[in-house]
PDB file of N, CA and C in Angstrom:
ATOM      1  N   VAL A   1      45.862 -20.473 -29.429  1.00  0.00           N
ATOM      2  CA  VAL A   1      45.506 -20.928 -28.104  1.00  0.00           C
ATOM      3  C   VAL A   1      44.127 -21.565 -28.193  1.00  0.00           C
ATOM      4  N   TYR A   2      44.044 -22.853 -27.848  1.00  0.00           N
ATOM      5  CA  TYR A   2      42.752 -23.527 -27.891  1.00  0.00           C
ATOM      6  C   TYR A   2      42.717 -24.634 -26.846  1.00  0.00           C
ATOM      7  N   ILE A   3      41.750 -24.548 -25.980  1.00  0.00           N
ATOM      8  CA  ILE A   3      41.508 -25.592 -24.978  1.00  0.00           C
ATOM      9  C   ILE A   3      40.105 -26.108 -25.249  1.00  0.00           C
ATOM     10  N   GLU A   4      40.004 -27.335 -25.708  1.00  0.00           N
ATOM     11  CA  GLU A   4      38.722 -27.882 -26.151  1.00  0.00           C
ATOM     12  C   GLU A   4      37.648 -27.813 -25.074  1.00  0.00           C
ATOM     13  N   ARG A   5      38.017 -28.086 -23.856  1.00  0.00           N
ATOM     14  CA  ARG A   5      37.046 -28.109 -22.756  1.00  0.00           C
ATOM     15  C   ARG A   5      36.504 -26.712 -22.448  1.00  0.00           C
ATOM     16  N   VAL A   6      37.296 -25.674 -22.678  1.00  0.00           N
ATOM     17  CA  VAL A   6      36.876 -24.295 -22.406  1.00  0.00           C
ATOM     18  C   VAL A   6      36.103 -23.718 -23.585  1.00  0.00           C
ATOM     19  N   GLY A   7      36.484 -24.099 -24.792  1.00  0.00           N
ATOM     20  CA  GLY A   7      35.815 -23.580 -25.982  1.00  0.00           C
ATOM     21  C   GLY A   7      36.741 -22.694 -26.776  1.00  0.00           C
ATOM     22  N   ARG A   8      36.399 -22.544 -28.029  1.00  0.00           N
ATOM     23  CA  ARG A   8      37.275 -21.806 -28.948  1.00  0.00           C
ATOM     24  C   ARG A   8      37.408 -20.333 -28.586  1.00  0.00           C
ATOM     25  N   ARG A   9      36.323 -19.658 -28.331  1.00  0.00           N
ATOM     26  CA  ARG A   9      36.379 -18.210 -28.048  1.00  0.00           C
ATOM     27  C   ARG A   9      36.897 -17.929 -26.638  1.00  0.00           C
ATOM     28  N   ARG A  10      36.416 -18.686 -25.670  1.00  0.00           N
ATOM     29  CA  ARG A  10      36.856 -18.448 -24.293  1.00  0.00           C
ATOM     30  C   ARG A  10      38.317 -18.810 -24.089  1.00  0.00           C
ATOM     31  N   SER A  11      38.853 -19.675 -24.956  1.00  0.00           N
ATOM     32  CA  SER A  11      40.283 -19.989 -24.886  1.00  0.00           C
ATOM     33  C   SER A  11      41.120 -18.754 -25.194  1.00  0.00           C
ATOM     34  N   TRP A  12      40.565 -17.843 -25.943  1.00  0.00           N
ATOM     35  CA  TRP A  12      41.242 -16.567 -26.207  1.00  0.00           C
ATOM     36  C   TRP A  12      40.876 -15.530 -25.161  1.00  0.00           C
ATOM     37  N   LEU A  13      39.608 -15.479 -24.788  1.00  0.00           N
ATOM     38  CA  LEU A  13      39.142 -14.429 -23.873  1.00  0.00           C
ATOM     39  C   LEU A  13      39.782 -14.492 -22.498  1.00  0.00           C
ATOM     40  N   ILE A  14      39.851 -15.663 -21.926  1.00  0.00           N
ATOM     41  CA  ILE A  14      40.346 -15.785 -20.548  1.00  0.00           C
ATOM     42  C   ILE A  14      41.791 -15.323 -20.414  1.00  0.00           C
ATOM     43  N   PRO A  15      42.732 -15.820 -21.248  1.00  0.00           N
ATOM     44  CA  PRO A  15      44.112 -15.340 -21.098  1.00  0.00           C
ATOM     45  C   PRO A  15      44.269 -13.856 -21.430  1.00  0.00           C
ATOM     46  N   VAL A  16      43.505 -13.375 -22.424  1.00  0.00           N
ATOM     47  CA  VAL A  16      43.611 -11.959 -22.787  1.00  0.00           C
ATOM     48  C   VAL A  16      43.096 -11.084 -21.653  1.00  0.00           C
ATOM     49  N   GLN A  17      41.993 -11.472 -21.027  1.00  0.00           N
ATOM     50  CA  GLN A  17      41.469 -10.685 -19.914  1.00  0.00           C
ATOM     51  C   GLN A  17      42.415 -10.717 -18.720  1.00  0.00           C
ATOM     52  N   LEU A  18      43.015 -11.867 -18.465  1.00  0.00           N
ATOM     53  CA  LEU A  18      43.997 -11.941 -17.374  1.00  0.00           C
ATOM     54  C   LEU A  18      45.215 -11.069 -17.666  1.00  0.00           C
ATOM     55  N   ALA A  19      45.676 -11.065 -18.909  1.00  0.00           N
ATOM     56  CA  ALA A  19      46.819 -10.222 -19.285  1.00  0.00           C
ATOM     57  C   ALA A  19      46.462  -8.745 -19.173  1.00  0.00           C
ATOM     58  N   CYS A  20      45.250  -8.379 -19.599  1.00  0.00           N
ATOM     59  CA  CYS A  20      44.794  -6.981 -19.468  1.00  0.00           C
ATOM     60  C   CYS A  20      44.737  -6.571 -18.001  1.00  0.00           C
ATOM     61  N   ALA A  21      44.178  -7.437 -17.183  1.00  0.00           N
ATOM     62  CA  ALA A  21      44.074  -7.130 -15.754  1.00  0.00           C
ATOM     63  C   ALA A  21      45.459  -6.975 -15.139  1.00  0.00           C
ATOM     64  N   ALA A  22      46.377  -7.863 -15.483  1.00  0.00           N
ATOM     65  CA  ALA A  22      47.737  -7.773 -14.944  1.00  0.00           C
ATOM     66  C   ALA A  22      48.416  -6.492 -15.402  1.00  0.00           C
ATOM     67  N   LEU A  23      48.264  -6.163 -16.679  1.00  0.00           N
ATOM     68  CA  LEU A  23      48.889  -4.943 -17.202  1.00  0.00           C
ATOM     69  C   LEU A  23      48.310  -3.699 -16.544  1.00  0.00           C
ATOM     70  N   MET A  24      46.989  -3.671 -16.375  1.00  0.00           N
ATOM     71  CA  MET A  24      46.367  -2.500 -15.755  1.00  0.00           C
ATOM     72  C   MET A  24      46.689  -2.412 -14.257  1.00  0.00           C
ATOM     73  N   ALA A  25      46.857  -3.549 -13.616  1.00  0.00           N
ATOM     74  CA  ALA A  25      47.177  -3.538 -12.186  1.00  0.00           C
ATOM     75  C   ALA A  25      48.636  -3.161 -11.933  1.00  0.00           C
ATOM     76  N   LEU A  26      49.531  -3.588 -12.804  1.00  0.00           N
ATOM     77  CA  LEU A  26      50.960  -3.355 -12.597  1.00  0.00           C
ATOM     78  C   LEU A  26      51.485  -2.072 -13.228  1.00  0.00           C
ATOM     79  N   SER A  27      50.832  -1.594 -14.268  1.00  0.00           N
ATOM     80  CA  SER A  27      51.367  -0.437 -14.988  1.00  0.00           C
ATOM     81  C   SER A  27      51.388   0.865 -14.185  1.00  0.00           C
ATOM     82  N   PRO A  28      50.463   1.129 -13.267  1.00  0.00           N
ATOM     83  CA  PRO A  28      50.558   2.392 -12.520  1.00  0.00           C
ATOM     84  C   PRO A  28      51.880   2.554 -11.767  1.00  0.00           C
ATOM     85  N   ALA A  29      52.443   1.460 -11.321  1.00  0.00           N
ATOM     86  CA  ALA A  29      53.719   1.548 -10.601  1.00  0.00           C
ATOM     87  C   ALA A  29      54.839   2.044 -11.512  1.00  0.00           C
ATOM     88  N   PHE A  30      54.737   1.760 -12.801  1.00  0.00           N
ATOM     89  CA  PHE A  30      55.779   2.153 -13.744  1.00  0.00           C
ATOM     90  C   PHE A  30      55.459   3.441 -14.495  1.00  0.00           C
ATOM     91  N   ILE A  31      54.174   3.736 -14.679  1.00  0.00           N
ATOM     92  CA  ILE A  31      53.790   4.888 -15.495  1.00  0.00           C
ATOM     93  C   ILE A  31      54.204   6.202 -14.843  1.00  0.00           C
ATOM     94  N   ASN A  32      54.080   6.326 -13.540  1.00  0.00           N
ATOM     95  CA  ASN A  32      54.514   7.570 -12.888  1.00  0.00           C
ATOM     96  C   ASN A  32      55.981   7.855 -13.157  1.00  0.00           C
ATOM     97  N   GLY A  33      56.803   6.835 -13.037  1.00  0.00           N
ATOM     98  CA  GLY A  33      58.224   7.005 -13.329  1.00  0.00           C
ATOM     99  C   GLY A  33      58.468   7.378 -14.775  1.00  0.00           C
ATOM    100  N   MET A  34      57.732   6.753 -15.680  1.00  0.00           N
ATOM    101  CA  MET A  34      57.884   7.069 -17.107  1.00  0.00           C
ATOM    102  C   MET A  34      57.458   8.500 -17.406  1.00  0.00           C
ATOM    103  N   LEU A  35      56.401   8.951 -16.730  1.00  0.00           N
ATOM    104  CA  LEU A  35      55.957  10.333 -16.935  1.00  0.00           C
ATOM    105  C   LEU A  35      56.991  11.333 -16.417  1.00  0.00           C
ATOM    106  N   GLN A  36      57.591  11.039 -15.283  1.00  0.00           N
ATOM    107  CA  GLN A  36      58.597  11.946 -14.727  1.00  0.00           C
ATOM    108  C   GLN A  36      59.862  11.976 -15.576  1.00  0.00           C
ATOM    109  N   ARG A  37      60.240  10.839 -16.152  1.00  0.00           N
ATOM    110  CA  ARG A  37      61.434  10.772 -17.012  1.00  0.00           C
ATOM    111  C   ARG A  37      61.132  11.168 -18.447  1.00  0.00           C
ATOM    112  N   VAL A  38      59.871  11.389 -18.745  1.00  0.00           N
ATOM    113  CA  VAL A  38      59.398  11.673 -20.106  1.00  0.00           C
ATOM    114  C   VAL A  38      59.848  10.540 -21.044  1.00  0.00           C
ATOM    115  N   ASP A  39      59.539   9.325 -20.635  1.00  0.00           N
ATOM    116  CA  ASP A  39      59.885   8.129 -21.403  1.00  0.00           C
ATOM    117  C   ASP A  39      58.753   7.810 -22.377  1.00  0.00           C
ATOM    118  N   VAL A  40      58.773   8.496 -23.510  1.00  0.00           N
ATOM    119  CA  VAL A  40      57.702   8.345 -24.493  1.00  0.00           C
ATOM    120  C   VAL A  40      57.673   6.931 -25.062  1.00  0.00           C
ATOM    121  N   GLY A  41      58.836   6.345 -25.277  1.00  0.00           N
ATOM    122  CA  GLY A  41      58.893   4.983 -25.814  1.00  0.00           C
ATOM    123  C   GLY A  41      58.272   3.969 -24.876  1.00  0.00           C
ATOM    124  N   GLY A  42      58.560   4.078 -23.591  1.00  0.00           N
ATOM    125  CA  GLY A  42      57.989   3.165 -22.604  1.00  0.00           C
ATOM    126  C   GLY A  42      56.484   3.316 -22.484  1.00  0.00           C
ATOM    127  N   LEU A  43      56.019   4.573 -22.466  1.00  0.00           N
ATOM    128  CA  LEU A  43      54.576   4.819 -22.399  1.00  0.00           C
ATOM    129  C   LEU A  43      53.881   4.280 -23.646  1.00  0.00           C
ATOM    130  N   THR A  44      54.493   4.512 -24.791  1.00  0.00           N
ATOM    131  CA  THR A  44      53.916   4.020 -26.042  1.00  0.00           C
ATOM    132  C   THR A  44      53.832   2.502 -26.039  1.00  0.00           C
ATOM    133  N   ALA A  45      54.882   1.837 -25.590  1.00  0.00           N
ATOM    134  CA  ALA A  45      54.890   0.376 -25.542  1.00  0.00           C
ATOM    135  C   ALA A  45      53.822  -0.148 -24.586  1.00  0.00           C
ATOM    136  N   CYS A  46      53.675   0.495 -23.442  1.00  0.00           N
ATOM    137  CA  CYS A  46      52.686   0.068 -22.456  1.00  0.00           C
ATOM    138  C   CYS A  46      51.266   0.191 -23.013  1.00  0.00           C
ATOM    139  N   PHE A  47      50.961   1.344 -23.577  1.00  0.00           N
ATOM    140  CA  PHE A  47      49.616   1.550 -24.104  1.00  0.00           C
ATOM    141  C   PHE A  47      49.374   0.764 -25.388  1.00  0.00           C
ATOM    142  N   PHE A  48      50.416   0.544 -26.199  1.00  0.00           N
ATOM    143  CA  PHE A  48      50.271  -0.288 -27.390  1.00  0.00           C
ATOM    144  C   PHE A  48      49.907  -1.714 -26.982  1.00  0.00           C
ATOM    145  N   ALA A  49      50.585  -2.238 -25.974  1.00  0.00           N
ATOM    146  CA  ALA A  49      50.291  -3.595 -25.499  1.00  0.00           C
ATOM    147  C   ALA A  49      48.859  -3.682 -24.982  1.00  0.00           C
ATOM    148  N   LEU A  50      48.432  -2.672 -24.227  1.00  0.00           N
ATOM    149  CA  LEU A  50      47.069  -2.673 -23.698  1.00  0.00           C
ATOM    150  C   LEU A  50      46.039  -2.624 -24.829  1.00  0.00           C
ATOM    151  N   TYR A  51      46.246  -1.744 -25.801  1.00  0.00           N
ATOM    152  CA  TYR A  51      45.308  -1.632 -26.914  1.00  0.00           C
ATOM    153  C   TYR A  51      45.316  -2.889 -27.779  1.00  0.00           C
ATOM    154  N   LEU A  52      46.460  -3.526 -27.937  1.00  0.00           N
ATOM    155  CA  LEU A  52      46.535  -4.773 -28.692  1.00  0.00           C
ATOM    156  C   LEU A  52      45.723  -5.867 -27.996  1.00  0.00           C
ATOM    157  N   LEU A  53      45.862  -5.956 -26.683  1.00  0.00           N
ATOM    158  CA  LEU A  53      45.083  -6.936 -25.925  1.00  0.00           C
ATOM    159  C   LEU A  53      43.586  -6.638 -25.998  1.00  0.00           C
ATOM    160  N   MET A  54      43.223  -5.371 -25.900  1.00  0.00           N
ATOM    161  CA  MET A  54      41.806  -5.001 -25.966  1.00  0.00           C
ATOM    162  C   MET A  54      41.216  -5.286 -27.345  1.00  0.00           C
ATOM    163  N   ALA A  55      41.988  -5.035 -28.399  1.00  0.00           N
ATOM    164  CA  ALA A  55      41.516  -5.332 -29.754  1.00  0.00           C
ATOM    165  C   ALA A  55      41.332  -6.833 -29.947  1.00  0.00           C
ATOM    166  N   THR A  56      42.249  -7.616 -29.406  1.00  0.00           N
ATOM    167  CA  THR A  56      42.136  -9.075 -29.495  1.00  0.00           C
ATOM    168  C   THR A  56      40.883  -9.548 -28.760  1.00  0.00           C
ATOM    169  N   GLN A  57      40.633  -8.963 -27.614  1.00  0.00           N
ATOM    170  CA  GLN A  57      39.428  -9.310 -26.855  1.00  0.00           C
ATOM    171  C   GLN A  57      38.178  -8.951 -27.642  1.00  0.00           C
ATOM    172  N   ASP A  58      38.169  -7.792 -28.283  1.00  0.00           N
ATOM    173  CA  ASP A  58      37.021  -7.350 -29.060  1.00  0.00           C
ATOM    174  C   ASP A  58      36.733  -8.318 -30.209  1.00  0.00           C
ATOM    175  N   ILE A  59      37.784  -8.759 -30.888  1.00  0.00           N
ATOM    176  CA  ILE A  59      37.614  -9.693 -31.998  1.00  0.00           C
ATOM    177  C   ILE A  59      37.060 -11.026 -31.494  1.00  0.00           C
ATOM    178  N   ALA A  60      37.579 -11.513 -30.380  1.00  0.00           N
ATOM    179  CA  ALA A  60      37.103 -12.780 -29.822  1.00  0.00           C
ATOM    180  C   ALA A  60      35.645 -12.682 -29.379  1.00  0.00           C
ATOM    181  N   VAL A  61      35.269 -11.562 -28.773  1.00  0.00           N
ATOM    182  CA  VAL A  61      33.876 -11.382 -28.327  1.00  0.00           C
ATOM    183  C   VAL A  61      32.945 -11.287 -29.529  1.00  0.00           C
ATOM    184  N   ASP A  62      33.365 -10.582 -30.578  1.00  0.00           N
ATOM    185  CA  ASP A  62      32.544 -10.491 -31.789  1.00  0.00           C
ATOM    186  C   ASP A  62      32.356 -11.871 -32.413  1.00  0.00           C
ATOM    187  N   GLY A  63      33.425 -12.647 -32.479  1.00  0.00           N
ATOM    188  CA  GLY A  63      33.312 -13.997 -33.022  1.00  0.00           C
ATOM    189  C   GLY A  63      32.410 -14.873 -32.175  1.00  0.00           C
ATOM    190  N   TRP A  64      32.512 -14.739 -30.873  1.00  0.00           N
ATOM    191  CA  TRP A  64      31.672 -15.508 -29.960  1.00  0.00           C
ATOM    192  C   TRP A  64      30.200 -15.135 -30.152  1.00  0.00           C
ATOM    193  N   ALA A  65      29.934 -13.850 -30.289  1.00  0.00           N
ATOM    194  CA  ALA A  65      28.552 -13.397 -30.485  1.00  0.00           C
ATOM    195  C   ALA A  65      27.982 -13.961 -31.785  1.00  0.00           C
ATOM    196  N   LEU A  66      28.796 -13.981 -32.834  1.00  0.00           N
ATOM    197  CA  LEU A  66      28.303 -14.505 -34.107  1.00  0.00           C
ATOM    198  C   LEU A  66      28.024 -16.001 -34.040  1.00  0.00           C
ATOM    199  N   THR A  67      28.805 -16.734 -33.257  1.00  0.00           N
ATOM    200  CA  THR A  67      28.539 -18.171 -33.144  1.00  0.00           C
ATOM    201  C   THR A  67      27.322 -18.446 -32.262  1.00  0.00           C
ATOM    202  N   MET A  68      26.994 -17.528 -31.365  1.00  0.00           N
ATOM    203  CA  MET A  68      25.837 -17.717 -30.491  1.00  0.00           C
ATOM    204  C   MET A  68      24.530 -17.341 -31.187  1.00  0.00           C
ATOM    205  N   LEU A  69      24.586 -16.400 -32.123  1.00  0.00           N
ATOM    206  CA  LEU A  69      23.375 -15.954 -32.800  1.00  0.00           C
ATOM    207  C   LEU A  69      22.964 -16.965 -33.868  1.00  0.00           C
ATOM    208  N   SER A  70      21.675 -17.122 -34.047  1.00  0.00           N
ATOM    209  CA  SER A  70      21.206 -17.978 -35.134  1.00  0.00           C
ATOM    210  C   SER A  70      21.428 -17.243 -36.460  1.00  0.00           C
ATOM    211  N   ARG A  71      21.453 -17.998 -37.553  1.00  0.00           N
ATOM    212  CA  ARG A  71      21.692 -17.380 -38.872  1.00  0.00           C
ATOM    213  C   ARG A  71      20.684 -16.264 -39.152  1.00  0.00           C
ATOM    214  N   ARG A  72      19.475 -16.446 -38.687  1.00  0.00           N
ATOM    215  CA  ARG A  72      18.422 -15.463 -38.924  1.00  0.00           C
ATOM    216  C   ARG A  72      18.725 -14.128 -38.230  1.00  0.00           C
ATOM    217  N   ASN A  73      19.443 -14.167 -37.098  1.00  0.00           N
ATOM    218  CA  ASN A  73      19.676 -12.965 -36.299  1.00  0.00           C
ATOM    219  C   ASN A  73      21.085 -12.386 -36.421  1.00  0.00           C
ATOM    220  N   VAL A  74      21.916 -12.933 -37.298  1.00  0.00           N
ATOM    221  CA  VAL A  74      23.293 -12.449 -37.431  1.00  0.00           C
ATOM    222  C   VAL A  74      23.318 -10.973 -37.831  1.00  0.00           C
ATOM    223  N   GLY A  75      22.360 -10.532 -38.587  1.00  0.00           N
ATOM    224  CA  GLY A  75      22.295  -9.130 -39.002  1.00  0.00           C
ATOM    225  C   GLY A  75      22.136  -8.160 -37.840  1.00  0.00           C
ATOM    226  N   TYR A  76      21.644  -8.647 -36.719  1.00  0.00           N
ATOM    227  CA  TYR A  76      21.453  -7.796 -35.546  1.00  0.00           C
ATOM    228  C   TYR A  76      22.709  -7.660 -34.683  1.00  0.00           C
ATOM    229  N   ALA A  77      23.767  -8.384 -35.011  1.00  0.00           N
ATOM    230  CA  ALA A  77      24.985  -8.380 -34.189  1.00  0.00           C
ATOM    231  C   ALA A  77      25.573  -6.981 -34.074  1.00  0.00           C
ATOM    232  N   SER A  78      25.661  -6.278 -35.183  1.00  0.00           N
ATOM    233  CA  SER A  78      26.235  -4.932 -35.165  1.00  0.00           C
ATOM    234  C   SER A  78      25.363  -3.981 -34.345  1.00  0.00           C
ATOM    235  N   THR A  79      24.053  -4.094 -34.499  1.00  0.00           N
ATOM    236  CA  THR A  79      23.137  -3.237 -33.745  1.00  0.00           C
ATOM    237  C   THR A  79      23.273  -3.492 -32.245  1.00  0.00           C
ATOM    238  N   CYS A  80      23.312  -4.748 -31.858  1.00  0.00           N
ATOM    239  CA  CYS A  80      23.447  -5.096 -30.438  1.00  0.00           C
ATOM    240  C   CYS A  80      24.787  -4.598 -29.884  1.00  0.00           C
ATOM    241  N   ASN A  81      25.831  -4.715 -30.677  1.00  0.00           N
ATOM    242  CA  ASN A  81      27.164  -4.240 -30.250  1.00  0.00           C
ATOM    243  C   ASN A  81      27.148  -2.730 -30.040  1.00  0.00           C
ATOM    244  N   THR A  82      26.562  -2.001 -30.976  1.00  0.00           N
ATOM    245  CA  THR A  82      26.516  -0.539 -30.872  1.00  0.00           C
ATOM    246  C   THR A  82      25.689  -0.105 -29.658  1.00  0.00           C
ATOM    247  N   ILE A  83      24.552  -0.719 -29.450  1.00  0.00           N
ATOM    248  CA  ILE A  83      23.709  -0.367 -28.306  1.00  0.00           C
ATOM    249  C   ILE A  83      24.431  -0.716 -27.000  1.00  0.00           C
ATOM    250  N   GLY A  84      25.071  -1.870 -26.949  1.00  0.00           N
ATOM    251  CA  GLY A  84      25.789  -2.275 -25.750  1.00  0.00           C
ATOM    252  C   GLY A  84      26.933  -1.330 -25.408  1.00  0.00           C
ATOM    253  N   GLN A  85      27.658  -0.852 -26.413  1.00  0.00           N
ATOM    254  CA  GLN A  85      28.742   0.084 -26.151  1.00  0.00           C
ATOM    255  C   GLN A  85      28.233   1.448 -25.733  1.00  0.00           C
ATOM    256  N   THR A  86      27.068   1.819 -26.234  1.00  0.00           N
ATOM    257  CA  THR A  86      26.486   3.112 -25.870  1.00  0.00           C
ATOM    258  C   THR A  86      26.021   3.124 -24.427  1.00  0.00           C
ATOM    259  N   LEU A  87      25.454   2.000 -24.001  1.00  0.00           N
ATOM    260  CA  LEU A  87      24.951   1.922 -22.626  1.00  0.00           C
ATOM    261  C   LEU A  87      26.116   1.903 -21.679  1.00  0.00           C
TER     262      LEU A  87
END
């Protein structure tokens, strides 16, 4: 997925964030039913899809951060990521 006008990283981030939002907004309607039926396969598929989307977003954000940092500051990317997640 690449839209030149949006940029390489945001071309991934925007659709992934929209898919995550849609999945999180729509899944509560189905999860209660899955819990009552003890549908382990359905729950696993739902959470697998969510985690896959979140991992894709994480990779795109990391790549975006590396392209924004100057070569001199690339070593600080991991530190900034760790501090940001802690906060």
